[in-house]
N, C-alpha and C. Protein backbone atom coordinates (compact mmCIF):
# COMPACT_ATOMS: atom_id res chain seq x y z
N MET A 1 8.27 6.83 -14.25
CA MET A 1 9.65 6.49 -13.91
C MET A 1 10.56 7.62 -14.37
N SER A 2 11.69 7.73 -13.73
CA SER A 2 12.62 8.78 -14.09
C SER A 2 13.47 8.33 -15.28
N ASN A 3 14.29 9.27 -15.77
CA ASN A 3 15.21 8.96 -16.86
C ASN A 3 16.50 8.34 -16.34
N ASP A 4 16.58 8.12 -15.06
CA ASP A 4 17.72 7.51 -14.41
C ASP A 4 17.92 6.10 -14.95
N PRO A 5 19.12 5.77 -15.47
CA PRO A 5 19.33 4.43 -16.02
C PRO A 5 19.14 3.32 -14.99
N ASP A 6 19.32 3.62 -13.70
CA ASP A 6 19.12 2.62 -12.65
C ASP A 6 17.65 2.41 -12.31
N SER A 7 16.74 3.21 -12.89
CA SER A 7 15.33 3.12 -12.52
C SER A 7 14.73 1.77 -12.87
N THR A 8 15.28 1.06 -13.85
CA THR A 8 14.75 -0.26 -14.18
C THR A 8 15.09 -1.28 -13.08
N ASN A 9 16.11 -1.00 -12.29
CA ASN A 9 16.46 -1.87 -11.17
C ASN A 9 15.80 -1.46 -9.87
N ARG A 10 15.36 -0.22 -9.77
CA ARG A 10 14.72 0.28 -8.55
C ARG A 10 13.21 0.28 -8.74
N ARG A 11 12.68 -0.95 -8.83
CA ARG A 11 11.23 -1.07 -9.03
C ARG A 11 10.78 -2.44 -8.57
N LEU A 12 9.48 -2.55 -8.39
CA LEU A 12 8.85 -3.82 -8.07
C LEU A 12 8.32 -4.46 -9.34
N VAL A 13 8.49 -5.76 -9.45
CA VAL A 13 7.93 -6.49 -10.58
C VAL A 13 6.82 -7.43 -10.14
N SER A 14 6.66 -7.57 -8.82
CA SER A 14 5.61 -8.43 -8.29
C SER A 14 5.31 -8.03 -6.85
N VAL A 15 4.03 -8.09 -6.50
CA VAL A 15 3.59 -7.82 -5.13
C VAL A 15 2.57 -8.89 -4.76
N THR A 16 2.79 -9.52 -3.62
CA THR A 16 1.82 -10.49 -3.13
C THR A 16 1.44 -10.14 -1.70
N LEU A 17 0.22 -10.47 -1.35
CA LEU A 17 -0.26 -10.32 0.02
C LEU A 17 -0.32 -11.70 0.65
N ASP A 18 0.20 -11.81 1.84
CA ASP A 18 0.18 -13.08 2.56
C ASP A 18 -1.26 -13.47 2.84
N GLU A 19 -1.69 -14.58 2.25
CA GLU A 19 -3.08 -15.03 2.38
C GLU A 19 -3.48 -15.29 3.83
N ALA A 20 -2.53 -15.72 4.66
CA ALA A 20 -2.84 -15.97 6.07
C ALA A 20 -3.07 -14.67 6.84
N SER A 21 -2.58 -13.56 6.30
CA SER A 21 -2.67 -12.27 6.98
C SER A 21 -3.92 -11.50 6.61
N ILE A 22 -4.59 -11.89 5.55
CA ILE A 22 -5.65 -11.03 5.01
C ILE A 22 -7.00 -11.73 5.07
N GLU A 23 -8.00 -10.95 5.34
CA GLU A 23 -9.38 -11.43 5.27
C GLU A 23 -9.98 -10.94 3.98
N ARG A 24 -10.90 -11.67 3.46
CA ARG A 24 -11.63 -11.22 2.27
C ARG A 24 -12.45 -10.00 2.63
N GLY A 25 -12.48 -9.05 1.72
CA GLY A 25 -13.24 -7.84 1.95
C GLY A 25 -14.50 -7.83 1.11
N THR A 26 -15.14 -6.70 1.09
CA THR A 26 -16.31 -6.52 0.25
C THR A 26 -15.84 -6.55 -1.21
N PRO A 27 -16.75 -6.72 -2.16
CA PRO A 27 -16.32 -6.66 -3.56
C PRO A 27 -15.61 -5.34 -3.90
N ASP A 28 -16.08 -4.23 -3.33
CA ASP A 28 -15.41 -2.94 -3.58
C ASP A 28 -13.99 -2.95 -3.04
N GLN A 29 -13.80 -3.50 -1.84
CA GLN A 29 -12.46 -3.56 -1.25
C GLN A 29 -11.54 -4.48 -2.05
N GLU A 30 -12.07 -5.62 -2.46
CA GLU A 30 -11.28 -6.56 -3.26
C GLU A 30 -10.85 -5.92 -4.59
N HIS A 31 -11.78 -5.19 -5.20
CA HIS A 31 -11.49 -4.51 -6.47
C HIS A 31 -10.39 -3.46 -6.27
N GLU A 32 -10.52 -2.67 -5.22
CA GLU A 32 -9.52 -1.62 -4.94
C GLU A 32 -8.15 -2.24 -4.67
N ARG A 33 -8.12 -3.35 -3.96
CA ARG A 33 -6.88 -4.07 -3.67
C ARG A 33 -6.23 -4.57 -4.96
N ALA A 34 -7.02 -5.18 -5.82
CA ALA A 34 -6.49 -5.70 -7.09
C ALA A 34 -5.95 -4.58 -7.96
N ILE A 35 -6.66 -3.47 -8.02
CA ILE A 35 -6.19 -2.32 -8.80
C ILE A 35 -4.90 -1.77 -8.22
N ALA A 36 -4.81 -1.68 -6.88
CA ALA A 36 -3.60 -1.17 -6.25
C ALA A 36 -2.39 -2.03 -6.60
N ILE A 37 -2.56 -3.35 -6.57
CA ILE A 37 -1.44 -4.26 -6.91
C ILE A 37 -1.08 -4.09 -8.38
N TYR A 38 -2.08 -4.08 -9.26
CA TYR A 38 -1.82 -3.93 -10.70
C TYR A 38 -1.09 -2.62 -10.97
N ASP A 39 -1.63 -1.50 -10.44
CA ASP A 39 -1.02 -0.19 -10.67
C ASP A 39 0.38 -0.11 -10.07
N LEU A 40 0.56 -0.73 -8.92
CA LEU A 40 1.86 -0.70 -8.25
C LEU A 40 2.92 -1.39 -9.10
N VAL A 41 2.58 -2.54 -9.66
CA VAL A 41 3.54 -3.27 -10.49
C VAL A 41 3.79 -2.53 -11.81
N GLU A 42 2.76 -1.90 -12.35
CA GLU A 42 2.91 -1.19 -13.62
C GLU A 42 3.79 0.05 -13.50
N GLU A 43 3.66 0.77 -12.40
CA GLU A 43 4.42 2.01 -12.24
C GLU A 43 4.79 2.19 -10.77
N ASN A 44 6.09 2.14 -10.48
CA ASN A 44 6.54 2.34 -9.11
C ASN A 44 7.99 2.74 -9.08
N ARG A 45 8.37 3.26 -7.95
CA ARG A 45 9.78 3.52 -7.63
C ARG A 45 10.02 2.85 -6.29
N PHE A 46 10.93 1.89 -6.28
CA PHE A 46 11.15 1.08 -5.09
C PHE A 46 12.61 0.67 -5.06
N GLY A 47 13.33 1.18 -4.10
CA GLY A 47 14.75 0.86 -3.99
C GLY A 47 15.15 0.64 -2.55
N ILE A 48 16.21 -0.10 -2.38
CA ILE A 48 16.76 -0.37 -1.06
C ILE A 48 18.06 0.43 -0.94
N PRO A 49 18.13 1.36 0.00
CA PRO A 49 19.36 2.14 0.15
C PRO A 49 20.57 1.24 0.34
N GLY A 50 21.60 1.50 -0.43
CA GLY A 50 22.84 0.74 -0.33
C GLY A 50 22.80 -0.61 -1.03
N HIS A 51 21.70 -0.94 -1.69
CA HIS A 51 21.59 -2.21 -2.40
C HIS A 51 21.51 -1.93 -3.89
N ALA A 52 22.41 -2.50 -4.65
CA ALA A 52 22.48 -2.22 -6.09
C ALA A 52 21.53 -3.10 -6.90
N GLY A 53 20.95 -4.08 -6.26
CA GLY A 53 20.12 -5.07 -6.95
C GLY A 53 18.79 -4.55 -7.43
N GLY A 54 17.93 -5.49 -7.74
CA GLY A 54 16.62 -5.19 -8.27
C GLY A 54 16.59 -5.60 -9.72
N PRO A 55 15.42 -5.67 -10.28
CA PRO A 55 14.13 -5.35 -9.69
C PRO A 55 13.74 -6.33 -8.58
N TYR A 56 12.73 -5.91 -7.80
CA TYR A 56 12.36 -6.61 -6.59
C TYR A 56 10.96 -7.22 -6.67
N VAL A 57 10.76 -8.22 -5.82
CA VAL A 57 9.42 -8.74 -5.55
C VAL A 57 9.15 -8.45 -4.07
N LEU A 58 7.91 -8.13 -3.76
CA LEU A 58 7.54 -7.74 -2.41
C LEU A 58 6.42 -8.63 -1.91
N GLY A 59 6.64 -9.19 -0.75
CA GLY A 59 5.58 -9.92 -0.05
C GLY A 59 5.18 -9.12 1.17
N LEU A 60 3.92 -8.72 1.21
CA LEU A 60 3.40 -7.96 2.35
C LEU A 60 2.58 -8.90 3.21
N GLY A 61 2.75 -8.79 4.51
CA GLY A 61 1.97 -9.62 5.41
C GLY A 61 2.04 -9.08 6.82
N LEU A 62 1.41 -9.80 7.71
CA LEU A 62 1.46 -9.49 9.13
C LEU A 62 2.23 -10.60 9.82
N LEU A 63 3.15 -10.21 10.67
CA LEU A 63 3.96 -11.15 11.40
C LEU A 63 3.99 -10.70 12.85
N SER A 64 3.39 -11.48 13.73
CA SER A 64 3.31 -11.13 15.15
C SER A 64 2.73 -9.72 15.35
N GLY A 65 1.71 -9.39 14.59
CA GLY A 65 1.05 -8.10 14.74
C GLY A 65 1.79 -6.93 14.11
N ARG A 66 2.84 -7.22 13.40
CA ARG A 66 3.62 -6.16 12.74
C ARG A 66 3.52 -6.33 11.23
N LEU A 67 3.68 -5.24 10.55
CA LEU A 67 3.65 -5.24 9.09
C LEU A 67 5.00 -5.74 8.59
N SER A 68 4.97 -6.74 7.71
CA SER A 68 6.20 -7.34 7.19
C SER A 68 6.36 -7.00 5.71
N PHE A 69 7.50 -6.42 5.37
CA PHE A 69 7.90 -6.17 3.99
C PHE A 69 9.01 -7.16 3.68
N ASP A 70 8.66 -8.26 3.03
CA ASP A 70 9.63 -9.29 2.66
C ASP A 70 10.09 -8.98 1.23
N ILE A 71 11.29 -8.47 1.10
CA ILE A 71 11.81 -7.99 -0.18
C ILE A 71 12.82 -9.00 -0.71
N ARG A 72 12.60 -9.39 -1.95
CA ARG A 72 13.46 -10.36 -2.61
C ARG A 72 13.78 -9.88 -4.02
N LEU A 73 14.78 -10.53 -4.62
CA LEU A 73 15.06 -10.30 -6.02
C LEU A 73 14.10 -11.12 -6.85
N GLU A 74 14.07 -10.90 -8.16
CA GLU A 74 13.18 -11.63 -9.05
C GLU A 74 13.33 -13.14 -8.95
N ASP A 75 14.54 -13.61 -8.67
CA ASP A 75 14.78 -15.05 -8.56
C ASP A 75 14.41 -15.60 -7.18
N GLU A 76 13.76 -14.76 -6.36
CA GLU A 76 13.29 -15.10 -5.01
C GLU A 76 14.41 -15.14 -3.97
N SER A 77 15.63 -14.76 -4.33
CA SER A 77 16.68 -14.70 -3.31
C SER A 77 16.39 -13.53 -2.37
N PRO A 78 16.50 -13.77 -1.05
CA PRO A 78 16.15 -12.74 -0.07
C PRO A 78 17.08 -11.53 -0.13
N VAL A 79 16.49 -10.36 0.07
CA VAL A 79 17.26 -9.13 0.19
C VAL A 79 17.20 -8.65 1.63
N ILE A 80 15.99 -8.40 2.13
CA ILE A 80 15.81 -7.92 3.50
C ILE A 80 14.33 -8.04 3.88
N VAL A 81 14.07 -8.15 5.16
CA VAL A 81 12.71 -8.10 5.67
C VAL A 81 12.66 -6.95 6.66
N HIS A 82 11.72 -6.04 6.43
CA HIS A 82 11.48 -4.94 7.36
C HIS A 82 10.18 -5.20 8.08
N LEU A 83 10.19 -5.04 9.39
CA LEU A 83 8.98 -5.15 10.20
C LEU A 83 8.65 -3.78 10.76
N LEU A 84 7.41 -3.37 10.57
CA LEU A 84 6.96 -2.06 11.05
C LEU A 84 5.76 -2.22 11.97
N SER A 85 5.71 -1.42 13.00
CA SER A 85 4.55 -1.39 13.87
C SER A 85 3.36 -0.81 13.10
N LEU A 86 2.19 -1.39 13.31
CA LEU A 86 0.97 -0.85 12.70
C LEU A 86 0.40 0.30 13.52
N SER A 87 0.86 0.48 14.76
CA SER A 87 0.29 1.51 15.63
C SER A 87 0.23 2.90 15.00
N PRO A 88 1.31 3.38 14.36
CA PRO A 88 1.23 4.73 13.78
C PRO A 88 0.20 4.83 12.64
N PHE A 89 -0.19 3.70 12.06
CA PHE A 89 -1.12 3.70 10.94
C PHE A 89 -2.59 3.61 11.37
N ARG A 90 -2.85 3.21 12.61
CA ARG A 90 -4.21 2.87 13.02
C ARG A 90 -5.23 3.99 12.80
N LYS A 91 -4.91 5.21 13.20
CA LYS A 91 -5.89 6.30 13.07
C LYS A 91 -6.20 6.60 11.61
N VAL A 92 -5.16 6.73 10.80
CA VAL A 92 -5.40 7.06 9.40
C VAL A 92 -6.10 5.91 8.67
N ILE A 93 -5.81 4.68 9.05
CA ILE A 93 -6.49 3.54 8.44
C ILE A 93 -7.96 3.54 8.84
N LYS A 94 -8.23 3.82 10.09
CA LYS A 94 -9.63 3.89 10.55
C LYS A 94 -10.38 4.97 9.77
N ASP A 95 -9.76 6.14 9.65
CA ASP A 95 -10.37 7.24 8.88
C ASP A 95 -10.58 6.83 7.42
N TYR A 96 -9.60 6.12 6.87
CA TYR A 96 -9.68 5.68 5.48
C TYR A 96 -10.84 4.72 5.28
N PHE A 97 -10.99 3.75 6.17
CA PHE A 97 -12.11 2.80 6.06
C PHE A 97 -13.45 3.52 6.17
N LEU A 98 -13.55 4.46 7.10
CA LEU A 98 -14.81 5.19 7.27
C LEU A 98 -15.17 5.99 6.03
N ILE A 99 -14.20 6.69 5.46
CA ILE A 99 -14.51 7.50 4.29
C ILE A 99 -14.73 6.63 3.06
N CYS A 100 -14.04 5.51 2.96
CA CYS A 100 -14.29 4.59 1.84
C CYS A 100 -15.70 4.03 1.92
N GLU A 101 -16.13 3.68 3.13
CA GLU A 101 -17.49 3.17 3.30
C GLU A 101 -18.52 4.22 2.87
N SER A 102 -18.28 5.47 3.26
CA SER A 102 -19.17 6.56 2.85
C SER A 102 -19.16 6.73 1.33
N TYR A 103 -17.99 6.60 0.75
CA TYR A 103 -17.86 6.74 -0.70
C TYR A 103 -18.62 5.64 -1.42
N TYR A 104 -18.43 4.39 -0.99
CA TYR A 104 -19.11 3.27 -1.65
C TYR A 104 -20.62 3.38 -1.50
N ASP A 105 -21.09 3.85 -0.35
CA ASP A 105 -22.52 4.07 -0.17
C ASP A 105 -23.01 5.19 -1.10
N ALA A 106 -22.22 6.25 -1.20
CA ALA A 106 -22.61 7.41 -2.00
C ALA A 106 -22.70 7.08 -3.49
N ILE A 107 -21.78 6.27 -4.00
CA ILE A 107 -21.80 6.02 -5.44
C ILE A 107 -23.04 5.23 -5.86
N ARG A 108 -23.72 4.66 -4.90
CA ARG A 108 -24.95 3.93 -5.20
C ARG A 108 -26.18 4.82 -5.22
N SER A 109 -26.14 5.96 -4.52
CA SER A 109 -27.38 6.73 -4.42
C SER A 109 -27.23 8.25 -4.32
N ALA A 110 -26.04 8.76 -4.10
CA ALA A 110 -25.89 10.20 -3.87
C ALA A 110 -25.74 10.97 -5.18
N SER A 111 -25.88 12.28 -5.06
CA SER A 111 -25.71 13.16 -6.21
C SER A 111 -24.24 13.20 -6.62
N PRO A 112 -23.97 13.54 -7.88
CA PRO A 112 -22.57 13.64 -8.33
C PRO A 112 -21.75 14.62 -7.48
N ASP A 113 -22.35 15.73 -7.05
CA ASP A 113 -21.62 16.69 -6.22
C ASP A 113 -21.22 16.07 -4.88
N ARG A 114 -22.13 15.31 -4.29
CA ARG A 114 -21.85 14.66 -3.00
C ARG A 114 -20.75 13.61 -3.17
N ILE A 115 -20.84 12.83 -4.23
CA ILE A 115 -19.82 11.81 -4.50
C ILE A 115 -18.46 12.47 -4.68
N GLU A 116 -18.41 13.56 -5.42
CA GLU A 116 -17.14 14.26 -5.65
C GLU A 116 -16.57 14.79 -4.34
N ALA A 117 -17.42 15.34 -3.47
CA ALA A 117 -16.95 15.87 -2.20
C ALA A 117 -16.37 14.75 -1.32
N ILE A 118 -17.06 13.63 -1.27
CA ILE A 118 -16.57 12.50 -0.47
C ILE A 118 -15.28 11.96 -1.07
N ASP A 119 -15.21 11.89 -2.39
CA ASP A 119 -14.00 11.39 -3.05
C ASP A 119 -12.81 12.31 -2.78
N MET A 120 -13.03 13.60 -2.72
CA MET A 120 -11.94 14.53 -2.39
C MET A 120 -11.42 14.24 -0.99
N GLY A 121 -12.35 14.00 -0.06
CA GLY A 121 -11.95 13.64 1.31
C GLY A 121 -11.19 12.33 1.34
N ARG A 122 -11.66 11.38 0.55
CA ARG A 122 -11.00 10.07 0.48
C ARG A 122 -9.58 10.21 -0.04
N ARG A 123 -9.41 11.01 -1.08
CA ARG A 123 -8.06 11.23 -1.62
C ARG A 123 -7.16 11.91 -0.59
N GLY A 124 -7.73 12.83 0.18
CA GLY A 124 -6.95 13.51 1.22
C GLY A 124 -6.45 12.54 2.29
N VAL A 125 -7.33 11.66 2.74
CA VAL A 125 -6.93 10.67 3.73
C VAL A 125 -5.91 9.70 3.13
N HIS A 126 -6.12 9.34 1.87
CA HIS A 126 -5.18 8.45 1.17
C HIS A 126 -3.80 9.11 1.09
N ASP A 127 -3.77 10.40 0.78
CA ASP A 127 -2.49 11.13 0.73
C ASP A 127 -1.83 11.17 2.11
N GLU A 128 -2.64 11.35 3.15
CA GLU A 128 -2.10 11.34 4.51
C GLU A 128 -1.47 9.97 4.81
N GLY A 129 -2.14 8.91 4.42
CA GLY A 129 -1.60 7.56 4.61
C GLY A 129 -0.32 7.36 3.83
N ALA A 130 -0.28 7.87 2.59
CA ALA A 130 0.93 7.75 1.77
C ALA A 130 2.10 8.48 2.42
N GLY A 131 1.84 9.65 2.97
CA GLY A 131 2.89 10.40 3.66
C GLY A 131 3.44 9.63 4.85
N LEU A 132 2.55 8.95 5.56
CA LEU A 132 2.98 8.14 6.70
C LEU A 132 3.81 6.94 6.25
N VAL A 133 3.43 6.33 5.14
CA VAL A 133 4.21 5.21 4.60
C VAL A 133 5.63 5.69 4.26
N ILE A 134 5.72 6.82 3.57
CA ILE A 134 7.04 7.36 3.22
C ILE A 134 7.86 7.63 4.48
N GLU A 135 7.22 8.24 5.47
CA GLU A 135 7.91 8.57 6.73
C GLU A 135 8.41 7.30 7.44
N ARG A 136 7.55 6.29 7.55
CA ARG A 136 7.89 5.06 8.27
C ARG A 136 8.96 4.23 7.54
N LEU A 137 9.03 4.37 6.22
CA LEU A 137 10.02 3.60 5.45
C LEU A 137 11.31 4.38 5.19
N GLU A 138 11.36 5.63 5.66
CA GLU A 138 12.54 6.45 5.42
C GLU A 138 13.81 5.75 5.91
N GLY A 139 14.81 5.72 5.02
CA GLY A 139 16.08 5.08 5.34
C GLY A 139 16.07 3.57 5.15
N LYS A 140 14.88 3.00 4.92
CA LYS A 140 14.75 1.55 4.73
C LYS A 140 14.43 1.20 3.29
N ILE A 141 13.43 1.92 2.73
CA ILE A 141 12.98 1.69 1.36
C ILE A 141 12.72 3.05 0.73
N GLU A 142 13.26 3.25 -0.47
CA GLU A 142 13.05 4.50 -1.19
C GLU A 142 11.87 4.33 -2.14
N ILE A 143 10.84 5.16 -1.93
CA ILE A 143 9.63 5.11 -2.76
C ILE A 143 9.20 6.51 -3.12
N ASP A 144 8.37 6.62 -4.15
CA ASP A 144 7.78 7.91 -4.49
C ASP A 144 6.35 7.95 -3.95
N HIS A 145 5.68 9.09 -4.16
CA HIS A 145 4.35 9.29 -3.60
C HIS A 145 3.32 8.32 -4.19
N LYS A 146 3.36 8.10 -5.49
CA LYS A 146 2.40 7.17 -6.12
C LYS A 146 2.58 5.76 -5.56
N THR A 147 3.81 5.33 -5.41
CA THR A 147 4.08 4.02 -4.85
C THR A 147 3.58 3.95 -3.41
N ALA A 148 3.81 5.00 -2.65
CA ALA A 148 3.36 5.05 -1.26
C ALA A 148 1.83 4.97 -1.16
N ARG A 149 1.12 5.65 -2.06
CA ARG A 149 -0.35 5.60 -2.05
C ARG A 149 -0.84 4.17 -2.27
N ARG A 150 -0.25 3.50 -3.22
CA ARG A 150 -0.67 2.12 -3.52
C ARG A 150 -0.30 1.18 -2.39
N LEU A 151 0.88 1.38 -1.79
CA LEU A 151 1.27 0.56 -0.64
C LEU A 151 0.32 0.81 0.53
N PHE A 152 -0.09 2.06 0.73
CA PHE A 152 -1.02 2.35 1.81
C PHE A 152 -2.33 1.59 1.63
N THR A 153 -2.84 1.51 0.40
CA THR A 153 -4.06 0.75 0.14
C THR A 153 -3.88 -0.70 0.59
N LEU A 154 -2.73 -1.28 0.30
CA LEU A 154 -2.48 -2.67 0.66
C LEU A 154 -2.24 -2.84 2.16
N ILE A 155 -1.59 -1.87 2.77
CA ILE A 155 -1.38 -1.90 4.23
C ILE A 155 -2.74 -1.84 4.93
N ALA A 156 -3.61 -0.97 4.44
CA ALA A 156 -4.96 -0.88 5.01
C ALA A 156 -5.68 -2.22 4.88
N ALA A 157 -5.56 -2.85 3.72
CA ALA A 157 -6.22 -4.14 3.50
C ALA A 157 -5.69 -5.19 4.48
N LEU A 158 -4.39 -5.21 4.69
CA LEU A 158 -3.80 -6.18 5.61
C LEU A 158 -4.18 -5.88 7.05
N SER A 159 -4.22 -4.63 7.41
CA SER A 159 -4.46 -4.26 8.80
C SER A 159 -5.91 -4.48 9.20
N TRP A 160 -6.80 -4.62 8.23
CA TRP A 160 -8.21 -4.82 8.53
C TRP A 160 -8.41 -5.99 9.50
N LYS A 161 -7.68 -7.07 9.29
CA LYS A 161 -7.80 -8.24 10.15
C LYS A 161 -7.39 -7.91 11.58
N GLY A 162 -6.42 -7.03 11.71
CA GLY A 162 -5.93 -6.68 13.04
C GLY A 162 -6.68 -5.52 13.68
N GLN A 163 -7.61 -4.91 12.98
CA GLN A 163 -8.34 -3.76 13.51
C GLN A 163 -9.29 -4.19 14.63
N ASP A 164 -9.42 -3.35 15.61
CA ASP A 164 -10.47 -3.54 16.61
C ASP A 164 -11.77 -3.14 15.97
N ARG A 165 -12.69 -4.09 15.87
CA ARG A 165 -13.96 -3.79 15.20
C ARG A 165 -15.07 -3.72 16.20
């Protein structure tokens, strides 16, 4: 967090995923999702341009095939709901799932060098996804790169149900 005195108000204190929007994943996917939520709540930068309030709670879900960011104050009073198309995320999410699958397979049997190489690729795709999150939320929600990476993990988890398999 920055030394900005308003930084305590420009943050998330809770993140939930809409249970109706999400399918259960593999144990590895569930673990990654839980870590992303924990890390996101522990350290984030999250602000609404022109809104002095916060800290915020975030409900992520799918609504009519679109990504829903339901943003509220701690007392659950509504602030704003942003709906985003998942279309711009589809390719990077597909790449992310493929490389994650390779990574999870590798950690069970591959050499440390192979695991490290796959993990570097995974981080690269994750960074690409984070950049897309920042781009798509520009002017709507102010976030930093770490927050965007964790949000991308959760967006990928939600979009799995909507993916063409």
